[in-house]
Amino acid sequence: MSDESPEIRTARRRYVTVCALFWLPPGLAMAPLVLLFTERGMALAAIAGFYATHSLTVAALELPTGGLSDVLGRRPVLAVAGGLNAIALLIHALGTTAWALALGMVLMGTARALAAVRRKPGTWTPSRRPPARRRPAHRPRAR
């Protein structure tokens, strides 16, 4: 038995579950997409370029999408991420040219960046409003 408290074990189990649920779908989608791209006549160098495009898109949009999530809220941003991912998968299903497949990877990377919004502990959310600033009481001037 370990010396960890039940709270620490619960937190660790939840963290591992969330990480697995976050990274499992892209990992499972990678192999079928490589097979799809090779079936469409793309060389392995082109496929590597598609995935590089995806990775660079995610890296470039991580911070801006976090700000967008702060302004619009997490739910609308996650809904847009789901829509973009569906459009990207549709483009992959119907696209046959390298440009169409690259566009699908850009949209998929954008959706991934939008879905990766996280909230720091203690930050403002609509359900937890920041404390109101107190204004000094109005004092009439002495004449």
Foldseek 3Di string as FASTA:
>chain_A
DDPDDPVVVVVVVVVVVVVCVLPVVVVVVLVVLVVLLVVLVDDPVLSVVLVVLLVVLLVVCQVVLLVVCVVPNLVVLLVVLVVLLVVLVVLSVPPRDSVSPSVSSNSNSSSSSSNPHDDDPPDDDPVRHDDDDDDDDDDDDDD
